[in-house]
Amino acid sequence: MAQNDAPPEAEAPEVIEVDSEIVSCDGGGGALGHPKIWLNMRGRGWVECGYCDRRFVLRQG
């Protein structure tokens, strides 16, 4: 699955700060979520889930 390449200034439904460039997302809804996938920021400092559009942002510092 391709990662969402929306511009970083586009508004995401949910923004989650993380400490790692590689994150996983399952939609956060238990049985109502989506399959667990792994996302890699690849040096951009952010990545969006292609299923639920959650945005994961690398915490500064």
C-alpha atoms as a PDB file:
ATOM      1  CA  MET A   1       0.000   0.000   0.000  1.00  0.00           C
ATOM      2  CA  ALA A   2       1.345   3.415  -0.903  1.00  0.00           C
ATOM      3  CA  GLN A   3       1.673   5.979   1.829  1.00  0.00           C
ATOM      4  CA  ASN A   4      -0.420   9.127   1.642  1.00  0.00           C
ATOM      5  CA  ASP A   5       1.671  11.951   0.196  1.00  0.00           C
ATOM      6  CA  ALA A   6      -0.586  14.818   1.274  1.00  0.00           C
ATOM      7  CA  PRO A   7       1.303  18.043   1.986  1.00  0.00           C
ATOM      8  CA  PRO A   8       2.276  18.478   5.657  1.00  0.00           C
ATOM      9  CA  GLU A   9       0.116  21.603   5.980  1.00  0.00           C
ATOM     10  CA  ALA A  10      -3.085  19.707   5.024  1.00  0.00           C
ATOM     11  CA  GLU A  11      -5.321  19.150   8.036  1.00  0.00           C
ATOM     12  CA  ALA A  12      -5.417  15.561   9.334  1.00  0.00           C
ATOM     13  CA  PRO A  13      -8.310  14.150  11.376  1.00  0.00           C
ATOM     14  CA  GLU A  14      -5.896  13.130  14.157  1.00  0.00           C
ATOM     15  CA  VAL A  15      -2.236  14.014  14.796  1.00  0.00           C
ATOM     16  CA  ILE A  16      -0.095  11.759  16.973  1.00  0.00           C
ATOM     17  CA  GLU A  17       3.423  12.729  18.096  1.00  0.00           C
ATOM     18  CA  VAL A  18       5.884   9.823  18.103  1.00  0.00           C
ATOM     19  CA  ASP A  19       9.547   9.231  18.944  1.00  0.00           C
ATOM     20  CA  SER A  20      10.411   6.931  16.024  1.00  0.00           C
ATOM     21  CA  GLU A  21      10.344   7.335  12.233  1.00  0.00           C
ATOM     22  CA  ILE A  22       8.774   3.873  11.918  1.00  0.00           C
ATOM     23  CA  VAL A  23       5.274   3.582  13.396  1.00  0.00           C
ATOM     24  CA  SER A  24       2.341   1.198  13.241  1.00  0.00           C
ATOM     25  CA  CYS A  25      -1.342   2.039  12.866  1.00  0.00           C
ATOM     26  CA  ASP A  26      -4.429  -0.129  13.315  1.00  0.00           C
ATOM     27  CA  GLY A  27      -7.023   2.634  13.266  1.00  0.00           C
ATOM     28  CA  GLY A  28      -7.307   2.614  17.035  1.00  0.00           C
ATOM     29  CA  GLY A  29     -10.840   1.251  16.934  1.00  0.00           C
ATOM     30  CA  GLY A  30     -10.285  -2.339  18.048  1.00  0.00           C
ATOM     31  CA  ALA A  31     -12.553  -4.492  15.907  1.00  0.00           C
ATOM     32  CA  LEU A  32     -13.740  -1.336  14.128  1.00  0.00           C
ATOM     33  CA  GLY A  33     -10.200  -0.293  13.122  1.00  0.00           C
ATOM     34  CA  HIS A  34      -8.245  -1.552  10.122  1.00  0.00           C
ATOM     35  CA  PRO A  35      -5.444  -4.085   9.594  1.00  0.00           C
ATOM     36  CA  LYS A  36      -2.228  -3.160  11.415  1.00  0.00           C
ATOM     37  CA  ILE A  37       0.237  -1.575   9.020  1.00  0.00           C
ATOM     38  CA  TRP A  38       3.754  -0.180   9.439  1.00  0.00           C
ATOM     39  CA  LEU A  39       4.652   3.267   8.122  1.00  0.00           C
ATOM     40  CA  ASN A  40       8.102   4.789   7.548  1.00  0.00           C
ATOM     41  CA  MET A  41       8.614   8.571   7.560  1.00  0.00           C
ATOM     42  CA  ARG A  42      11.806   8.265   5.467  1.00  0.00           C
ATOM     43  CA  GLY A  43      13.281  11.467   6.865  1.00  0.00           C
ATOM     44  CA  ARG A  44      10.216  13.660   6.202  1.00  0.00           C
ATOM     45  CA  GLY A  45       9.282  14.016   9.872  1.00  0.00           C
ATOM     46  CA  TRP A  46       5.670  12.895   9.302  1.00  0.00           C
ATOM     47  CA  VAL A  47       3.603  10.198   7.622  1.00  0.00           C
ATOM     48  CA  GLU A  48      -0.129   9.580   7.168  1.00  0.00           C
ATOM     49  CA  CYS A  49      -1.983   6.293   7.352  1.00  0.00           C
ATOM     50  CA  GLY A  50      -3.562   5.391   4.019  1.00  0.00           C
ATOM     51  CA  TYR A  51      -6.533   3.764   5.763  1.00  0.00           C
ATOM     52  CA  CYS A  52      -7.628   6.271   8.408  1.00  0.00           C
ATOM     53  CA  ASP A  53      -5.586   9.409   7.564  1.00  0.00           C
ATOM     54  CA  ARG A  54      -4.065   9.638  11.048  1.00  0.00           C
ATOM     55  CA  ARG A  55      -0.932  11.746  10.845  1.00  0.00           C
ATOM     56  CA  PHE A  56       2.127  10.650  12.798  1.00  0.00           C
ATOM     57  CA  VAL A  57       4.600  13.463  13.451  1.00  0.00           C
ATOM     58  CA  LEU A  58       8.126  12.974  14.767  1.00  0.00           C
ATOM     59  CA  ARG A  59       8.467  14.702  18.128  1.00  0.00           C
ATOM     60  CA  GLN A  60      11.077  17.477  18.084  1.00  0.00           C
ATOM     61  CA  GLY A  61      14.121  17.154  20.299  1.00  0.00           C
END
